[in-house]
Amino acid sequence: MKIVLFDTKSYDRKHFDDANRQYGYEIVYHEPELNVHTAVMARGADVVCPFVNCTVDRPVIDILSDLGVKLIAMRSAGFNNVDYKYALEKGIAVVRVPAYSPYAVAEHSFAMLLALVRKLTHAYVRTREFNFSLTGLVGMDLHGKTFGAVGTGKIGRVAIDIARGFGMRILAYDPYPAQLEGVQYVDLETLLRQSDVVSLYCPLTKENTHMIDEKTLSIMKDTAYLVNTSRGALIDSEALLEKLKERRLAGAALDVYDEEAGIFYTDQSDLGIQDDTLARLISMPNVLITSHQGYLTEEALEAISRTTLGNVKEFEEGRPLTNQVK
């Protein structure tokens, strides 16, 4: 079996090489993202392995089909960038990694939240310049505040446990509520209206694209913080920028961005950012942006590579595909 990975970095290669010792597959690594211009690089492959910012639409699937590719193995939980129904029509199965480390993403969301509410990035810059003044660094206790979790899957539940450890009141919104101790399920409007922290832990679908927009942002408290470690397009970034400019929101912590493809995971330091909205968000003192690194722990990378190659092994042996997208 020949597997071609797209959008790879050195840390991907290390963990896949380690996991592949068990299988002995031929693995080819490409740094560019998979799209209509790069799909020909999958020539000779049985399996292609894209990542979250690759474009696997109809034109790309047509090329992959013509090249004889039989399996698209996403090395992520999300698959909103794949036209999986069309892939099935073309005889190409799609699998994913439904869970790797919910702790990685949930912990990152709180790391960002704490850095934001306690103004740690500003404090770090000051002390590096030997400025030890505390003026302008007044923060906020999380204890006693209301934490609103939008989505209570594996990551959301870990985040709720963390919030509970801080002594926060927990509200949750999910179309498929679970029985969670100490968690009050409410509708989205109630959650947005009452929460001091709103954190998103849900997949991206057609139905919830820009679920946080001008209307829903106007419901939130002026003193509330918004955290997103899920998918960028859950938030209307322009509406968020306007709300922050109007000082109608205390701050935002974003590990994802709706137009991040071609920017995140790359070094843009010599190029500058052409996306004006992203540039404005980065420049704001009450916004913290990281480059989709919530998943990036040794444990998560190991689980991703192991599960991805396990998916390929099931396909190779003709077994039912445990993690198939249907």
Protein backbone atom coordinates (compact mmCIF):
# COMPACT_ATOMS: atom_id res chain seq x y z
CA MET A 1 0.00 0.00 0.00
CA LYS A 2 1.27 3.44 -0.95
CA ILE A 3 0.05 6.37 1.13
CA VAL A 4 0.54 10.00 0.11
CA LEU A 5 0.23 12.59 2.88
CA PHE A 6 -0.51 16.22 2.05
CA ASP A 7 0.04 19.33 4.17
CA THR A 8 2.74 17.70 6.28
CA LYS A 9 5.31 19.14 8.65
CA SER A 10 8.32 17.58 10.37
CA TYR A 11 6.28 16.55 13.41
CA ASP A 12 3.79 14.68 11.18
CA ARG A 13 6.60 12.77 9.50
CA LYS A 14 8.22 11.79 12.78
CA HIS A 15 5.07 10.30 14.27
CA PHE A 16 3.90 8.58 11.08
CA ASP A 17 7.34 7.05 10.57
CA ASP A 18 7.26 5.77 14.15
CA ALA A 19 3.75 4.32 13.76
CA ASN A 20 4.56 2.83 10.34
CA ARG A 21 7.21 0.52 11.80
CA GLN A 22 4.31 -1.78 12.64
CA TYR A 23 2.94 -1.78 9.07
CA GLY A 24 5.77 -1.12 6.62
CA TYR A 25 3.69 0.94 4.19
CA GLU A 26 5.28 3.15 1.54
CA ILE A 27 4.60 6.68 2.72
CA VAL A 28 5.27 9.80 0.66
CA TYR A 29 5.11 13.19 2.37
CA HIS A 30 4.15 16.42 0.58
CA GLU A 31 4.21 19.82 2.23
CA PRO A 32 1.59 21.49 -0.04
CA GLU A 33 -2.09 21.16 0.79
CA LEU A 34 -4.24 18.87 -1.32
CA ASN A 35 -6.26 20.85 -3.86
CA VAL A 36 -7.07 20.83 -7.56
CA HIS A 37 -3.54 21.98 -8.41
CA THR A 38 -1.67 19.44 -6.29
CA ALA A 39 -3.91 16.37 -6.59
CA VAL A 40 -1.70 14.97 -9.39
CA MET A 41 0.98 14.46 -6.75
CA ALA A 42 -1.07 11.47 -5.58
CA ARG A 43 -0.14 9.53 -8.73
CA GLY A 44 0.52 5.88 -7.87
CA ALA A 45 -1.09 6.12 -4.45
CA ASP A 46 -3.69 3.74 -3.04
CA VAL A 47 -4.47 6.15 -0.21
CA VAL A 48 -4.30 9.93 0.18
CA CYS A 49 -4.13 11.48 3.61
CA PRO A 50 -5.23 15.15 3.72
CA PHE A 51 -5.46 17.51 6.70
CA VAL A 52 -8.04 20.06 7.83
CA ASN A 53 -7.22 22.88 5.38
CA CYS A 54 -6.97 20.70 2.28
CA THR A 55 -9.71 21.03 -0.34
CA VAL A 56 -11.22 17.67 -1.25
CA ASP A 57 -14.11 18.77 -3.46
CA ARG A 58 -15.55 17.25 -6.65
CA PRO A 59 -12.77 18.36 -9.02
CA VAL A 60 -10.13 16.97 -6.65
CA ILE A 61 -12.04 13.71 -6.17
CA ASP A 62 -12.35 13.33 -9.94
CA ILE A 63 -8.57 13.59 -10.26
CA LEU A 64 -7.99 11.15 -7.40
CA SER A 65 -10.43 8.70 -8.94
CA ASP A 66 -8.68 8.90 -12.31
CA LEU A 67 -5.37 8.24 -10.55
CA GLY A 68 -6.76 5.09 -8.95
CA VAL A 69 -6.96 6.30 -5.36
CA LYS A 70 -9.33 4.11 -3.34
CA LEU A 71 -9.24 5.66 0.14
CA ILE A 72 -9.20 9.18 1.56
CA ALA A 73 -7.84 8.91 5.09
CA MET A 74 -8.38 12.19 6.91
CA ARG A 75 -5.97 12.59 9.79
CA SER A 76 -8.41 14.79 11.69
CA ALA A 77 -11.79 14.52 13.35
CA GLY A 78 -13.37 17.11 11.07
CA PHE A 79 -14.31 16.29 7.50
CA ASN A 80 -16.26 19.40 6.43
CA ASN A 81 -13.63 20.02 3.73
CA VAL A 82 -14.40 16.69 2.01
CA ASP A 83 -17.31 16.02 -0.36
CA TYR A 84 -17.61 12.53 1.09
CA LYS A 85 -20.92 11.73 -0.61
CA TYR A 86 -19.40 12.35 -4.03
CA ALA A 87 -16.33 10.36 -3.03
CA LEU A 88 -18.53 7.37 -2.25
CA GLU A 89 -20.22 7.76 -5.64
CA LYS A 90 -16.77 7.53 -7.22
CA GLY A 91 -15.94 4.43 -5.23
CA ILE A 92 -13.58 6.14 -2.80
CA ALA A 93 -14.15 5.51 0.90
CA VAL A 94 -13.51 8.29 3.42
CA VAL A 95 -12.26 7.62 6.93
CA ARG A 96 -11.24 9.97 9.73
CA VAL A 97 -9.76 10.08 13.23
CA PRO A 98 -12.81 10.71 15.41
CA ALA A 99 -10.85 11.10 18.65
CA TYR A 100 -7.16 11.56 19.36
CA SER A 101 -6.77 13.63 22.51
CA PRO A 102 -9.77 15.59 23.74
CA TYR A 103 -7.54 16.74 26.58
CA ALA A 104 -5.17 18.51 24.18
CA VAL A 105 -7.86 20.74 22.68
CA ALA A 106 -9.79 21.33 25.91
CA GLU A 107 -6.63 22.22 27.83
CA HIS A 108 -5.53 24.57 25.04
CA SER A 109 -8.85 26.41 25.19
CA PHE A 110 -8.30 27.08 28.89
CA ALA A 111 -4.66 27.99 28.37
CA MET A 112 -5.80 30.66 25.92
CA LEU A 113 -8.63 31.78 28.18
CA LEU A 114 -6.33 32.19 31.19
CA ALA A 115 -3.73 34.03 29.13
CA LEU A 116 -6.46 36.38 27.94
CA VAL A 117 -8.32 37.08 31.20
CA ARG A 118 -5.08 37.45 33.21
CA LYS A 119 -3.35 39.46 30.45
CA LEU A 120 -0.34 37.14 30.48
CA THR A 121 0.86 38.04 26.99
CA HIS A 122 1.04 41.73 27.94
CA ALA A 123 2.79 40.90 31.23
CA TYR A 124 5.32 38.72 29.40
CA VAL A 125 6.21 41.48 26.93
CA ARG A 126 6.55 44.04 29.74
CA THR A 127 8.86 42.00 31.93
CA ARG A 128 11.03 41.14 28.93
CA GLU A 129 11.61 44.91 28.74
CA PHE A 130 12.15 45.09 32.53
CA ASN A 131 8.85 46.92 32.99
CA PHE A 132 7.30 45.56 36.19
CA SER A 133 4.34 47.93 36.42
CA LEU A 134 0.96 46.28 37.07
CA THR A 135 -1.08 49.13 35.60
CA GLY A 136 -3.49 47.80 33.00
CA LEU A 137 -3.02 44.15 34.01
CA VAL A 138 -6.09 43.76 36.22
CA GLY A 139 -7.67 40.41 35.41
CA MET A 140 -10.81 38.44 36.24
CA ASP A 141 -11.48 35.43 38.47
CA LEU A 142 -12.93 32.41 36.71
CA HIS A 143 -14.27 31.08 40.00
CA GLY A 144 -17.96 31.79 40.35
CA LYS A 145 -18.38 32.81 36.72
CA THR A 146 -20.65 31.05 34.20
CA PHE A 147 -19.01 28.84 31.58
CA GLY A 148 -21.07 28.17 28.45
CA ALA A 149 -20.01 25.08 26.51
CA VAL A 150 -21.41 24.93 22.98
CA GLY A 151 -21.10 21.23 22.21
CA THR A 152 -20.70 18.46 24.76
CA GLY A 153 -18.89 15.75 22.85
CA LYS A 154 -15.61 14.32 24.12
CA ILE A 155 -13.73 17.63 23.99
CA GLY A 156 -16.61 19.61 25.44
CA ARG A 157 -16.94 17.21 28.37
CA VAL A 158 -13.26 17.48 29.23
CA ALA A 159 -13.55 21.27 29.09
CA ILE A 160 -16.57 21.13 31.38
CA ASP A 161 -14.55 19.09 33.89
CA ILE A 162 -11.81 21.73 33.77
CA ALA A 163 -14.34 24.54 34.23
CA ARG A 164 -15.87 22.68 37.15
CA GLY A 165 -12.41 22.52 38.71
CA PHE A 166 -12.24 26.31 38.59
CA GLY A 167 -15.54 26.49 40.47
CA MET A 168 -17.53 27.78 37.51
CA ARG A 169 -21.24 27.38 36.93
CA ILE A 170 -21.80 25.26 33.82
CA LEU A 171 -24.32 25.88 31.05
CA ALA A 172 -24.35 23.77 27.89
CA TYR A 173 -26.00 23.73 24.51
CA ASP A 174 -26.06 20.66 22.29
CA PRO A 175 -28.71 19.32 19.90
CA TYR A 176 -28.03 15.92 21.49
CA PRO A 177 -27.77 16.58 25.25
CA ALA A 178 -26.17 14.04 27.55
CA GLN A 179 -26.72 13.29 31.22
CA LEU A 180 -23.84 15.22 32.77
CA GLU A 181 -23.66 15.90 36.48
CA GLY A 182 -23.78 19.57 37.40
CA VAL A 183 -24.47 20.69 33.82
CA GLN A 184 -27.58 22.65 32.93
CA TYR A 185 -28.62 22.31 29.28
CA VAL A 186 -30.26 25.42 27.86
CA ASP A 187 -31.02 26.83 24.42
CA LEU A 188 -28.25 28.73 22.63
CA GLU A 189 -29.76 32.16 23.27
CA THR A 190 -29.95 31.54 27.03
CA LEU A 191 -26.37 30.28 27.08
CA LEU A 192 -25.09 33.33 25.21
CA ARG A 193 -27.07 35.72 27.37
CA GLN A 194 -25.94 34.31 30.72
CA SER A 195 -22.38 33.10 30.14
CA ASP A 196 -19.24 34.97 31.13
CA VAL A 197 -17.21 32.63 28.93
CA VAL A 198 -18.61 31.07 25.74
CA SER A 199 -16.44 28.27 24.36
CA LEU A 200 -17.13 26.33 21.16
CA TYR A 201 -16.59 22.55 21.02
CA CYS A 202 -18.65 21.48 18.02
CA PRO A 203 -18.06 20.26 14.47
CA LEU A 204 -18.73 22.52 11.50
CA THR A 205 -21.88 21.77 9.50
CA LYS A 206 -23.96 23.65 6.96
CA GLU A 207 -26.51 24.33 9.70
CA ASN A 208 -24.11 25.92 12.21
CA THR A 209 -21.83 27.87 9.86
CA HIS A 210 -21.51 31.39 11.35
CA MET A 211 -23.64 30.38 14.33
CA ILE A 212 -21.81 33.20 16.12
CA ASP A 213 -22.73 36.19 13.98
CA GLU A 214 -23.87 39.78 14.45
CA LYS A 215 -27.20 38.66 15.92
CA THR A 216 -25.85 36.11 18.38
CA LEU A 217 -22.90 38.29 19.38
CA SER A 218 -25.33 41.05 20.33
CA ILE A 219 -26.92 38.68 22.85
CA MET A 220 -23.65 38.12 24.73
CA LYS A 221 -22.60 40.18 27.72
CA ASP A 222 -20.29 43.11 27.04
CA THR A 223 -18.00 41.59 29.69
CA ALA A 224 -17.98 38.07 28.16
CA TYR A 225 -15.09 36.22 26.51
CA LEU A 226 -15.43 34.06 23.39
CA VAL A 227 -13.19 31.01 22.84
CA ASN A 228 -13.03 28.90 19.68
CA THR A 229 -10.82 25.84 19.31
CA SER A 230 -13.17 23.99 16.92
CA ARG A 231 -13.61 25.35 13.38
CA GLY A 232 -13.12 28.93 12.24
CA ALA A 233 -16.31 29.19 10.19
CA LEU A 234 -18.43 28.76 13.33
CA ILE A 235 -17.79 32.49 13.81
CA ASP A 236 -18.45 35.36 11.42
CA SER A 237 -15.04 36.98 11.83
CA GLU A 238 -16.07 40.36 10.44
CA ALA A 239 -19.01 40.53 12.85
CA LEU A 240 -16.68 39.59 15.72
CA LEU A 241 -14.22 42.30 14.72
CA GLU A 242 -16.97 44.93 14.69
CA LYS A 243 -18.23 43.82 18.10
CA LEU A 244 -14.70 44.06 19.55
CA LYS A 245 -14.16 47.49 17.98
CA GLU A 246 -17.40 48.65 19.61
CA ARG A 247 -16.13 47.28 22.95
CA ARG A 248 -19.23 45.12 23.21
CA LEU A 249 -17.16 42.05 24.08
CA ALA A 250 -14.35 41.67 26.63
CA GLY A 251 -12.15 39.57 24.38
CA ALA A 252 -11.72 36.57 22.10
CA ALA A 253 -9.36 33.59 22.08
CA LEU A 254 -9.20 31.95 18.66
CA ASP A 255 -7.19 28.89 17.68
CA VAL A 256 -8.99 28.74 14.33
CA TYR A 257 -10.09 31.21 11.66
CA ASP A 258 -12.61 30.82 8.85
CA GLU A 259 -10.11 31.82 6.15
CA GLU A 260 -7.04 30.17 7.68
CA ALA A 261 -6.17 27.95 4.70
CA GLY A 262 -2.90 29.09 3.17
CA ILE A 263 -2.03 31.14 6.27
CA PHE A 264 -2.09 28.89 9.31
CA TYR A 265 0.71 26.28 9.51
CA THR A 266 2.93 28.54 7.37
CA ASP A 267 5.55 31.20 8.09
CA GLN A 268 4.13 34.53 6.93
CA SER A 269 6.64 36.71 8.78
CA ASP A 270 8.31 37.94 5.58
CA LEU A 271 5.09 38.25 3.58
CA GLY A 272 2.62 40.08 5.78
CA ILE A 273 -1.04 39.18 6.13
CA GLN A 274 -3.22 40.02 3.15
CA ASP A 275 -6.40 39.19 5.08
CA ASP A 276 -7.40 42.55 6.57
CA THR A 277 -9.86 41.06 9.06
CA LEU A 278 -7.30 38.65 10.48
CA ALA A 279 -4.67 41.39 10.61
CA ARG A 280 -7.03 43.64 12.58
CA LEU A 281 -7.96 40.84 14.98
CA ILE A 282 -4.30 40.02 15.64
CA SER A 283 -3.56 43.68 16.36
CA MET A 284 -6.24 44.01 19.03
CA PRO A 285 -5.01 43.92 22.64
CA ASN A 286 -7.95 41.81 23.83
CA VAL A 287 -7.61 39.11 21.16
CA LEU A 288 -5.34 36.07 21.38
CA ILE A 289 -4.86 34.00 18.21
CA THR A 290 -2.90 30.77 17.86
CA SER A 291 -2.31 28.89 14.63
CA HIS A 292 -4.68 25.91 14.99
CA GLN A 293 -2.35 24.27 17.48
CA GLY A 294 -4.94 23.06 19.99
CA TYR A 295 -4.41 19.44 18.94
CA LEU A 296 -0.61 19.72 18.87
CA THR A 297 0.66 17.50 21.67
CA GLU A 298 2.90 14.46 21.51
CA GLU A 299 0.03 12.29 22.72
CA ALA A 300 -2.40 13.58 20.09
CA LEU A 301 0.09 13.26 17.22
CA GLU A 302 0.85 9.69 18.23
CA ALA A 303 -2.86 8.82 18.38
CA ILE A 304 -3.55 10.47 15.00
CA SER A 305 -0.81 8.55 13.19
CA ARG A 306 -1.70 5.27 14.89
CA THR A 307 -5.43 5.57 14.14
CA THR A 308 -4.87 6.74 10.56
CA LEU A 309 -2.66 3.77 9.72
CA GLY A 310 -5.08 1.48 11.53
CA ASN A 311 -7.83 2.80 9.24
CA VAL A 312 -5.66 1.98 6.22
CA LYS A 313 -5.00 -1.52 7.57
CA GLU A 314 -8.74 -2.19 7.88
CA PHE A 315 -9.22 -1.05 4.29
CA GLU A 316 -6.31 -3.15 3.02
CA GLU A 317 -7.71 -6.28 4.65
CA GLY A 318 -11.27 -5.63 3.45
CA ARG A 319 -12.64 -5.33 6.96
CA PRO A 320 -15.50 -2.99 7.97
CA LEU A 321 -14.15 0.54 8.29
CA THR A 322 -14.61 1.52 11.93
CA ASN A 323 -14.12 5.23 11.31
CA GLN A 324 -15.76 5.59 7.89
CA VAL A 325 -17.65 8.79 7.12
CA LYS A 326 -21.06 7.75 5.80
